[in-house]
PDB file of N, CA and C in Angstrom:
ATOM      1  N   MET A   1       0.845  -0.809  -0.074  1.00  0.00           N
ATOM      2  CA  MET A   1      -0.031   0.224  -0.097  1.00  0.00           C
ATOM      3  C   MET A   1       0.643   1.015   0.272  1.00  0.00           C
ATOM      4  N   LYS A   2       0.069   2.197  -0.672  1.00  0.00           N
ATOM      5  CA  LYS A   2       0.969   3.429  -0.872  1.00  0.00           C
ATOM      6  C   LYS A   2       0.694   4.473   0.088  1.00  0.00           C
ATOM      7  N   LYS A   3       1.797   5.072   0.281  1.00  0.00           N
ATOM      8  CA  LYS A   3       1.399   6.424   1.414  1.00  0.00           C
ATOM      9  C   LYS A   3       1.626   7.686   0.812  1.00  0.00           C
ATOM     10  N   LEU A   4       0.730   8.222   1.554  1.00  0.00           N
ATOM     11  CA  LEU A   4       0.028   9.469   0.609  1.00  0.00           C
ATOM     12  C   LEU A   4       1.699  10.207   0.759  1.00  0.00           C
ATOM     13  N   ASP A   5       1.889  10.453   0.643  1.00  0.00           N
ATOM     14  CA  ASP A   5       3.771  10.943   0.228  1.00  0.00           C
ATOM     15  C   ASP A   5       3.966  10.732  -0.368  1.00  0.00           C
ATOM     16  N   ASP A   6       3.626   8.905  -1.307  1.00  0.00           N
ATOM     17  CA  ASP A   6       4.416   8.388  -2.033  1.00  0.00           C
ATOM     18  C   ASP A   6       3.342   9.265  -3.475  1.00  0.00           C
ATOM     19  N   ILE A   7       1.979   9.687  -3.053  1.00  0.00           N
ATOM     20  CA  ILE A   7       0.893  10.148  -4.312  1.00  0.00           C
ATOM     21  C   ILE A   7       1.103  11.057  -4.712  1.00  0.00           C
ATOM     22  N   PRO A   8       2.042  11.522  -6.195  1.00  0.00           N
ATOM     23  CA  PRO A   8       2.321  12.518  -6.506  1.00  0.00           C
ATOM     24  C   PRO A   8       0.647  13.389  -6.327  1.00  0.00           C
ATOM     25  N   CYS A   9       0.884  14.823  -6.621  1.00  0.00           N
ATOM     26  CA  CYS A   9      -0.237  15.663  -6.877  1.00  0.00           C
ATOM     27  C   CYS A   9      -0.822  15.693  -8.178  1.00  0.00           C
ATOM     28  N   GLY A  10      -2.355  15.666  -8.831  1.00  0.00           N
ATOM     29  CA  GLY A  10      -2.124  15.892 -10.042  1.00  0.00           C
ATOM     30  C   GLY A  10      -1.503  17.034 -10.518  1.00  0.00           C
ATOM     31  N   TRP A  11      -1.296  18.235 -10.127  1.00  0.00           N
ATOM     32  CA  TRP A  11      -1.231  20.015 -10.941  1.00  0.00           C
ATOM     33  C   TRP A  11      -0.078  18.994 -10.991  1.00  0.00           C
ATOM     34  N   ALA A  12       0.607  18.370 -10.514  1.00  0.00           N
ATOM     35  CA  ALA A  12       2.610  18.384 -10.294  1.00  0.00           C
ATOM     36  C   ALA A  12       2.961  17.128 -11.003  1.00  0.00           C
ATOM     37  N   PRO A  13       2.158  16.551 -11.796  1.00  0.00           N
ATOM     38  CA  PRO A  13       2.862  15.230 -12.907  1.00  0.00           C
ATOM     39  C   PRO A  13       3.981  14.618 -12.724  1.00  0.00           C
ATOM     40  N   ALA A  14       4.587  13.632 -11.823  1.00  0.00           N
ATOM     41  CA  ALA A  14       5.573  12.955 -11.953  1.00  0.00           C
ATOM     42  C   ALA A  14       6.478  13.021 -12.970  1.00  0.00           C
ATOM     43  N   SER A  15       5.698  12.885 -14.361  1.00  0.00           N
ATOM     44  CA  SER A  15       6.700  13.023 -15.788  1.00  0.00           C
ATOM     45  C   SER A  15       7.630  14.144 -15.477  1.00  0.00           C
ATOM     46  N   ASP A  16       7.138  15.352 -14.987  1.00  0.00           N
ATOM     47  CA  ASP A  16       7.422  16.483 -15.609  1.00  0.00           C
ATOM     48  C   ASP A  16       8.616  16.775 -14.486  1.00  0.00           C
ATOM     49  N   LYS A  17      10.078  16.839 -14.476  1.00  0.00           N
ATOM     50  CA  LYS A  17      10.895  16.988 -13.876  1.00  0.00           C
ATOM     51  C   LYS A  17      10.695  18.303 -13.492  1.00  0.00           C
ATOM     52  N   LEU A  18      10.734  19.198 -13.972  1.00  0.00           N
ATOM     53  CA  LEU A  18      10.690  20.567 -13.240  1.00  0.00           C
ATOM     54  C   LEU A  18       9.167  20.270 -12.411  1.00  0.00           C
ATOM     55  N   TYR A  19       8.232  20.081 -13.031  1.00  0.00           N
ATOM     56  CA  TYR A  19       7.317  20.433 -11.838  1.00  0.00           C
ATOM     57  C   TYR A  19       6.878  20.107 -10.560  1.00  0.00           C
ATOM     58  N   ARG A  20       7.807  18.520 -10.734  1.00  0.00           N
ATOM     59  CA  ARG A  20       8.405  17.810  -9.422  1.00  0.00           C
ATOM     60  C   ARG A  20       9.319  18.923  -8.358  1.00  0.00           C
ATOM     61  N   ALA A  21      10.504  19.169  -9.180  1.00  0.00           N
ATOM     62  CA  ALA A  21      11.086  19.654  -8.251  1.00  0.00           C
ATOM     63  C   ALA A  21      10.687  20.703  -7.197  1.00  0.00           C
ATOM     64  N   TYR A  22       9.699  21.440  -8.378  1.00  0.00           N
ATOM     65  CA  TYR A  22       9.348  22.366  -7.376  1.00  0.00           C
ATOM     66  C   TYR A  22       8.038  22.245  -6.515  1.00  0.00           C
ATOM     67  N   HIS A  23       7.555  21.331  -7.018  1.00  0.00           N
ATOM     68  CA  HIS A  23       5.993  20.469  -5.947  1.00  0.00           C
ATOM     69  C   HIS A  23       7.135  20.064  -4.654  1.00  0.00           C
ATOM     70  N   ASP A  24       8.280  19.568  -4.780  1.00  0.00           N
ATOM     71  CA  ASP A  24       8.836  18.781  -3.387  1.00  0.00           C
ATOM     72  C   ASP A  24       9.699  20.402  -3.039  1.00  0.00           C
ATOM     73  N   GLU A  25      10.463  20.635  -3.396  1.00  0.00           N
ATOM     74  CA  GLU A  25      11.132  21.397  -2.531  1.00  0.00           C
ATOM     75  C   GLU A  25      11.047  22.877  -2.357  1.00  0.00           C
ATOM     76  N   GLU A  26       9.940  23.213  -3.316  1.00  0.00           N
ATOM     77  CA  GLU A  26       9.599  24.449  -2.768  1.00  0.00           C
ATOM     78  C   GLU A  26       7.753  25.061  -2.400  1.00  0.00           C
ATOM     79  N   TRP A  27       7.109  24.087  -3.149  1.00  0.00           N
ATOM     80  CA  TRP A  27       5.525  24.564  -2.549  1.00  0.00           C
ATOM     81  C   TRP A  27       5.286  24.232  -1.124  1.00  0.00           C
ATOM     82  N   GLY A  28       4.823  24.745  -0.631  1.00  0.00           N
ATOM     83  CA  GLY A  28       4.462  24.724   0.390  1.00  0.00           C
ATOM     84  C   GLY A  28       5.678  24.684   1.769  1.00  0.00           C
ATOM     85  N   VAL A  29       7.007  25.541   1.292  1.00  0.00           N
ATOM     86  CA  VAL A  29       7.539  25.414   2.109  1.00  0.00           C
ATOM     87  C   VAL A  29       7.789  26.879   2.612  1.00  0.00           C
ATOM     88  N   PRO A  30       7.952  27.006   3.987  1.00  0.00           N
ATOM     89  CA  PRO A  30       8.084  28.549   4.486  1.00  0.00           C
ATOM     90  C   PRO A  30       8.920  28.986   3.876  1.00  0.00           C
ATOM     91  N   GLU A  31       8.989  30.402   3.517  1.00  0.00           N
ATOM     92  CA  GLU A  31      10.533  31.559   2.921  1.00  0.00           C
ATOM     93  C   GLU A  31      10.709  32.562   3.675  1.00  0.00           C
ATOM     94  N   ARG A  32      11.266  32.431   4.289  1.00  0.00           N
ATOM     95  CA  ARG A  32      11.822  33.345   5.093  1.00  0.00           C
ATOM     96  C   ARG A  32      12.873  34.636   4.596  1.00  0.00           C
ATOM     97  N   ASP A  33      13.610  34.105   3.266  1.00  0.00           N
ATOM     98  CA  ASP A  33      14.588  35.165   2.774  1.00  0.00           C
ATOM     99  C   ASP A  33      13.481  36.050   2.359  1.00  0.00           C
ATOM    100  N   SER A  34      14.202  37.468   2.233  1.00  0.00           N
ATOM    101  CA  SER A  34      13.149  38.357   1.574  1.00  0.00           C
ATOM    102  C   SER A  34      13.446  38.370   0.161  1.00  0.00           C
ATOM    103  N   ARG A  35      14.677  38.141  -0.345  1.00  0.00           N
ATOM    104  CA  ARG A  35      14.444  38.078  -2.244  1.00  0.00           C
ATOM    105  C   ARG A  35      13.736  37.141  -2.393  1.00  0.00           C
ATOM    106  N   ALA A  36      14.403  36.100  -2.012  1.00  0.00           N
ATOM    107  CA  ALA A  36      13.512  34.907  -2.253  1.00  0.00           C
ATOM    108  C   ALA A  36      11.512  35.163  -2.334  1.00  0.00           C
ATOM    109  N   LEU A  37      11.452  35.440  -1.158  1.00  0.00           N
ATOM    110  CA  LEU A  37       9.995  35.875  -1.521  1.00  0.00           C
ATOM    111  C   LEU A  37       9.558  36.582  -2.500  1.00  0.00           C
ATOM    112  N   TRP A  38      10.452  37.689  -2.534  1.00  0.00           N
ATOM    113  CA  TRP A  38      10.006  39.259  -3.409  1.00  0.00           C
ATOM    114  C   TRP A  38      10.495  37.906  -5.576  1.00  0.00           C
ATOM    115  N   GLU A  39      11.134  37.588  -5.275  1.00  0.00           N
ATOM    116  CA  GLU A  39      10.741  36.555  -6.839  1.00  0.00           C
ATOM    117  C   GLU A  39       9.402  35.611  -6.633  1.00  0.00           C
ATOM    118  N   LYS A  40       9.107  35.448  -5.900  1.00  0.00           N
ATOM    119  CA  LYS A  40       8.046  34.248  -6.195  1.00  0.00           C
ATOM    120  C   LYS A  40       6.512  35.286  -6.605  1.00  0.00           C
ATOM    121  N   PHE A  41       6.756  36.305  -5.445  1.00  0.00           N
ATOM    122  CA  PHE A  41       5.461  37.812  -6.027  1.00  0.00           C
ATOM    123  C   PHE A  41       5.679  37.814  -6.870  1.00  0.00           C
ATOM    124  N   GLN A  42       7.085  38.391  -7.659  1.00  0.00           N
ATOM    125  CA  GLN A  42       7.062  38.372  -9.146  1.00  0.00           C
ATOM    126  C   GLN A  42       6.534  37.806 -10.372  1.00  0.00           C
ATOM    127  N   LEU A  43       6.771  36.183  -9.533  1.00  0.00           N
ATOM    128  CA  LEU A  43       6.345  35.011 -10.215  1.00  0.00           C
ATOM    129  C   LEU A  43       4.912  35.058 -10.233  1.00  0.00           C
ATOM    130  N   ASP A  44       4.574  35.030  -9.053  1.00  0.00           N
ATOM    131  CA  ASP A  44       2.918  35.422  -9.243  1.00  0.00           C
ATOM    132  C   ASP A  44       2.388  35.955 -10.094  1.00  0.00           C
ATOM    133  N   GLY A  45       2.818  37.313 -10.240  1.00  0.00           N
ATOM    134  CA  GLY A  45       2.531  38.204 -11.048  1.00  0.00           C
ATOM    135  C   GLY A  45       2.445  37.678 -12.602  1.00  0.00           C
ATOM    136  N   PHE A  46       3.315  37.756 -13.043  1.00  0.00           N
ATOM    137  CA  PHE A  46       4.173  36.549 -14.142  1.00  0.00           C
ATOM    138  C   PHE A  46       2.551  35.944 -14.671  1.00  0.00           C
ATOM    139  N   GLN A  47       2.702  35.240 -13.853  1.00  0.00           N
ATOM    140  CA  GLN A  47       1.438  34.160 -14.187  1.00  0.00           C
ATOM    141  C   GLN A  47       0.189  34.321 -14.256  1.00  0.00           C
ATOM    142  N   ALA A  48      -0.859  35.288 -14.215  1.00  0.00           N
ATOM    143  CA  ALA A  48      -1.907  35.804 -14.511  1.00  0.00           C
ATOM    144  C   ALA A  48      -2.223  35.566 -15.917  1.00  0.00           C
ATOM    145  N   GLY A  49      -2.818  34.674 -15.977  1.00  0.00           N
ATOM    146  CA  GLY A  49      -3.188  34.425 -17.388  1.00  0.00           C
ATOM    147  C   GLY A  49      -2.556  33.042 -18.354  1.00  0.00           C
ATOM    148  N   LEU A  50      -1.833  32.723 -16.648  1.00  0.00           N
ATOM    149  CA  LEU A  50      -0.159  31.768 -17.963  1.00  0.00           C
ATOM    150  C   LEU A  50      -0.309  30.558 -16.951  1.00  0.00           C
ATOM    151  N   SER A  51       0.337  29.553 -17.526  1.00  0.00           N
ATOM    152  CA  SER A  51      -0.001  28.207 -16.929  1.00  0.00           C
ATOM    153  C   SER A  51       1.346  28.103 -15.769  1.00  0.00           C
ATOM    154  N   TRP A  52       1.119  27.460 -14.248  1.00  0.00           N
ATOM    155  CA  TRP A  52       2.729  28.025 -13.815  1.00  0.00           C
ATOM    156  C   TRP A  52       3.571  27.203 -14.188  1.00  0.00           C
ATOM    157  N   ILE A  53       3.508  25.973 -15.453  1.00  0.00           N
ATOM    158  CA  ILE A  53       4.689  25.419 -15.516  1.00  0.00           C
ATOM    159  C   ILE A  53       4.850  26.643 -17.175  1.00  0.00           C
ATOM    160  N   THR A  54       4.678  27.201 -17.586  1.00  0.00           N
ATOM    161  CA  THR A  54       5.341  28.464 -18.605  1.00  0.00           C
ATOM    162  C   THR A  54       6.129  28.694 -17.181  1.00  0.00           C
ATOM    163  N   ILE A  55       5.638  29.793 -16.309  1.00  0.00           N
ATOM    164  CA  ILE A  55       6.369  30.635 -15.254  1.00  0.00           C
ATOM    165  C   ILE A  55       7.658  29.700 -15.275  1.00  0.00           C
ATOM    166  N   LEU A  56       7.730  28.749 -14.175  1.00  0.00           N
ATOM    167  CA  LEU A  56       8.831  28.336 -13.548  1.00  0.00           C
ATOM    168  C   LEU A  56       9.442  27.447 -15.143  1.00  0.00           C
ATOM    169  N   ARG A  57       9.469  27.110 -16.487  1.00  0.00           N
ATOM    170  CA  ARG A  57      10.420  26.897 -17.686  1.00  0.00           C
ATOM    171  C   ARG A  57      11.064  28.214 -18.275  1.00  0.00           C
ATOM    172  N   LYS A  58      10.102  29.494 -17.725  1.00  0.00           N
ATOM    173  CA  LYS A  58      11.079  30.725 -18.153  1.00  0.00           C
ATOM    174  C   LYS A  58      11.744  30.922 -16.409  1.00  0.00           C
ATOM    175  N   ARG A  59      11.618  30.627 -15.368  1.00  0.00           N
ATOM    176  CA  ARG A  59      12.358  31.561 -14.598  1.00  0.00           C
ATOM    177  C   ARG A  59      14.044  31.907 -14.159  1.00  0.00           C
ATOM    178  N   ALA A  60      14.461  31.227 -15.386  1.00  0.00           N
ATOM    179  CA  ALA A  60      15.877  31.177 -14.956  1.00  0.00           C
ATOM    180  C   ALA A  60      16.306  32.573 -16.427  1.00  0.00           C
ATOM    181  N   GLU A  61      15.331  32.763 -17.227  1.00  0.00           N
ATOM    182  CA  GLU A  61      15.290  33.652 -18.188  1.00  0.00           C
ATOM    183  C   GLU A  61      15.013  34.936 -17.622  1.00  0.00           C
ATOM    184  N   MET A  62      13.997  34.890 -16.942  1.00  0.00           N
ATOM    185  CA  MET A  62      13.342  35.797 -15.672  1.00  0.00           C
ATOM    186  C   MET A  62      14.614  36.471 -15.204  1.00  0.00           C
ATOM    187  N   ARG A  63      15.161  35.593 -14.338  1.00  0.00           N
ATOM    188  CA  ARG A  63      16.097  36.094 -12.870  1.00  0.00           C
ATOM    189  C   ARG A  63      17.182  36.510 -13.608  1.00  0.00           C
ATOM    190  N   ARG A  64      17.708  35.967 -14.903  1.00  0.00           N
ATOM    191  CA  ARG A  64      18.814  36.891 -15.696  1.00  0.00           C
ATOM    192  C   ARG A  64      18.412  38.804 -15.767  1.00  0.00           C
ATOM    193  N   GLU A  65      17.030  38.634 -16.840  1.00  0.00           N
ATOM    194  CA  GLU A  65      15.616  39.665 -16.946  1.00  0.00           C
ATOM    195  C   GLU A  65      16.056  40.820 -15.699  1.00  0.00           C
ATOM    196  N   PHE A  66      15.409  40.403 -15.015  1.00  0.00           N
ATOM    197  CA  PHE A  66      15.252  41.433 -13.403  1.00  0.00           C
ATOM    198  C   PHE A  66      16.315  41.071 -12.408  1.00  0.00           C
ATOM    199  N   GLU A  67      17.659  40.759 -12.725  1.00  0.00           N
ATOM    200  CA  GLU A  67      18.524  41.052 -12.246  1.00  0.00           C
ATOM    201  C   GLU A  67      18.971  40.284 -10.707  1.00  0.00           C
ATOM    202  N   GLY A  68      18.342  38.747 -10.946  1.00  0.00           N
ATOM    203  CA  GLY A  68      17.852  37.767 -10.087  1.00  0.00           C
ATOM    204  C   GLY A  68      17.139  38.667  -8.705  1.00  0.00           C
ATOM    205  N   PHE A  69      15.958  39.161  -9.258  1.00  0.00           N
ATOM    206  CA  PHE A  69      15.166  39.482  -8.213  1.00  0.00           C
ATOM    207  C   PHE A  69      14.944  40.490  -7.150  1.00  0.00           C
ATOM    208  N   GLU A  70      16.760  41.007  -7.405  1.00  0.00           N
ATOM    209  CA  GLU A  70      17.356  42.052  -6.416  1.00  0.00           C
ATOM    210  C   GLU A  70      16.699  43.396  -6.327  1.00  0.00           C
ATOM    211  N   PRO A  71      15.510  43.863  -5.027  1.00  0.00           N
ATOM    212  CA  PRO A  71      14.921  44.530  -5.534  1.00  0.00           C
ATOM    213  C   PRO A  71      15.510  46.205  -5.394  1.00  0.00           C
ATOM    214  N   ASP A  72      16.703  46.412  -4.650  1.00  0.00           N
ATOM    215  CA  ASP A  72      17.589  47.403  -5.084  1.00  0.00           C
ATOM    216  C   ASP A  72      18.091  47.246  -6.275  1.00  0.00           C
ATOM    217  N   ARG A  73      18.804  46.591  -6.983  1.00  0.00           N
ATOM    218  CA  ARG A  73      19.380  46.895  -8.590  1.00  0.00           C
ATOM    219  C   ARG A  73      18.178  47.234  -9.195  1.00  0.00           C
ATOM    220  N   VAL A  74      16.859  46.812  -9.380  1.00  0.00           N
ATOM    221  CA  VAL A  74      15.818  47.364 -10.258  1.00  0.00           C
ATOM    222  C   VAL A  74      15.663  48.041  -9.991  1.00  0.00           C
ATOM    223  N   ALA A  75      15.809  48.881  -8.500  1.00  0.00           N
ATOM    224  CA  ALA A  75      14.767  50.427  -8.212  1.00  0.00           C
ATOM    225  C   ALA A  75      15.659  50.878  -8.498  1.00  0.00           C
ATOM    226  N   ARG A  76      16.694  50.780  -9.033  1.00  0.00           N
ATOM    227  CA  ARG A  76      18.122  51.962  -9.599  1.00  0.00           C
ATOM    228  C   ARG A  76      18.044  51.984 -11.271  1.00  0.00           C
ATOM    229  N   TRP A  77      17.422  50.831 -11.956  1.00  0.00           N
ATOM    230  CA  TRP A  77      16.955  51.264 -13.638  1.00  0.00           C
ATOM    231  C   TRP A  77      16.514  52.531 -14.006  1.00  0.00           C
ATOM    232  N   SER A  78      17.439  52.909 -14.633  1.00  0.00           N
ATOM    233  CA  SER A  78      16.937  54.361 -15.310  1.00  0.00           C
ATOM    234  C   SER A  78      16.094  53.977 -16.245  1.00  0.00           C
ATOM    235  N   GLN A  79      15.067  54.867 -16.827  1.00  0.00           N
ATOM    236  CA  GLN A  79      14.343  55.343 -18.066  1.00  0.00           C
ATOM    237  C   GLN A  79      14.159  54.621 -18.476  1.00  0.00           C
ATOM    238  N   LYS A  80      15.678  54.143 -19.648  1.00  0.00           N
ATOM    239  CA  LYS A  80      16.115  53.426 -20.744  1.00  0.00           C
ATOM    240  C   LYS A  80      15.990  51.766 -20.209  1.00  0.00           C
ATOM    241  N   ARG A  81      16.230  51.690 -19.141  1.00  0.00           N
ATOM    242  CA  ARG A  81      16.482  50.156 -18.565  1.00  0.00           C
ATOM    243  C   ARG A  81      14.710  49.510 -18.194  1.00  0.00           C
ATOM    244  N   ILE A  82      13.569  50.634 -17.536  1.00  0.00           N
ATOM    245  CA  ILE A  82      13.142  50.342 -17.679  1.00  0.00           C
ATOM    246  C   ILE A  82      12.011  49.762 -19.306  1.00  0.00           C
ATOM    247  N   ASP A  83      12.178  50.865 -19.864  1.00  0.00           N
ATOM    248  CA  ASP A  83      11.221  50.697 -20.953  1.00  0.00           C
ATOM    249  C   ASP A  83      11.569  49.483 -21.910  1.00  0.00           C
ATOM    250  N   ARG A  84      13.053  49.210 -21.570  1.00  0.00           N
ATOM    251  CA  ARG A  84      13.155  47.567 -22.454  1.00  0.00           C
ATOM    252  C   ARG A  84      13.074  46.412 -21.964  1.00  0.00           C
ATOM    253  N   ALA A  85      12.576  46.365 -20.162  1.00  0.00           N
ATOM    254  CA  ALA A  85      12.220  45.763 -19.601  1.00  0.00           C
ATOM    255  C   ALA A  85      10.296  45.152 -19.992  1.00  0.00           C
TER     256      ALA A  85
END
């Protein structure tokens, strides 16, 4: 008999390694690092109208574009840099 912990959630199929890693290592885990919280907040905003797996697949590119989701760095962007984003 399988334990409840061995049964994957339907929204994070076992066949998708990225989804499973997010499910198993991040989802539902308390986050206390302010930079990581800011990143998750931003990713949630991008998720509007998209599937979460789309956001997870683009996460590394978003980290590069938004300077690692470092609020202090983004706050210093020039208008030209803002327009580019």
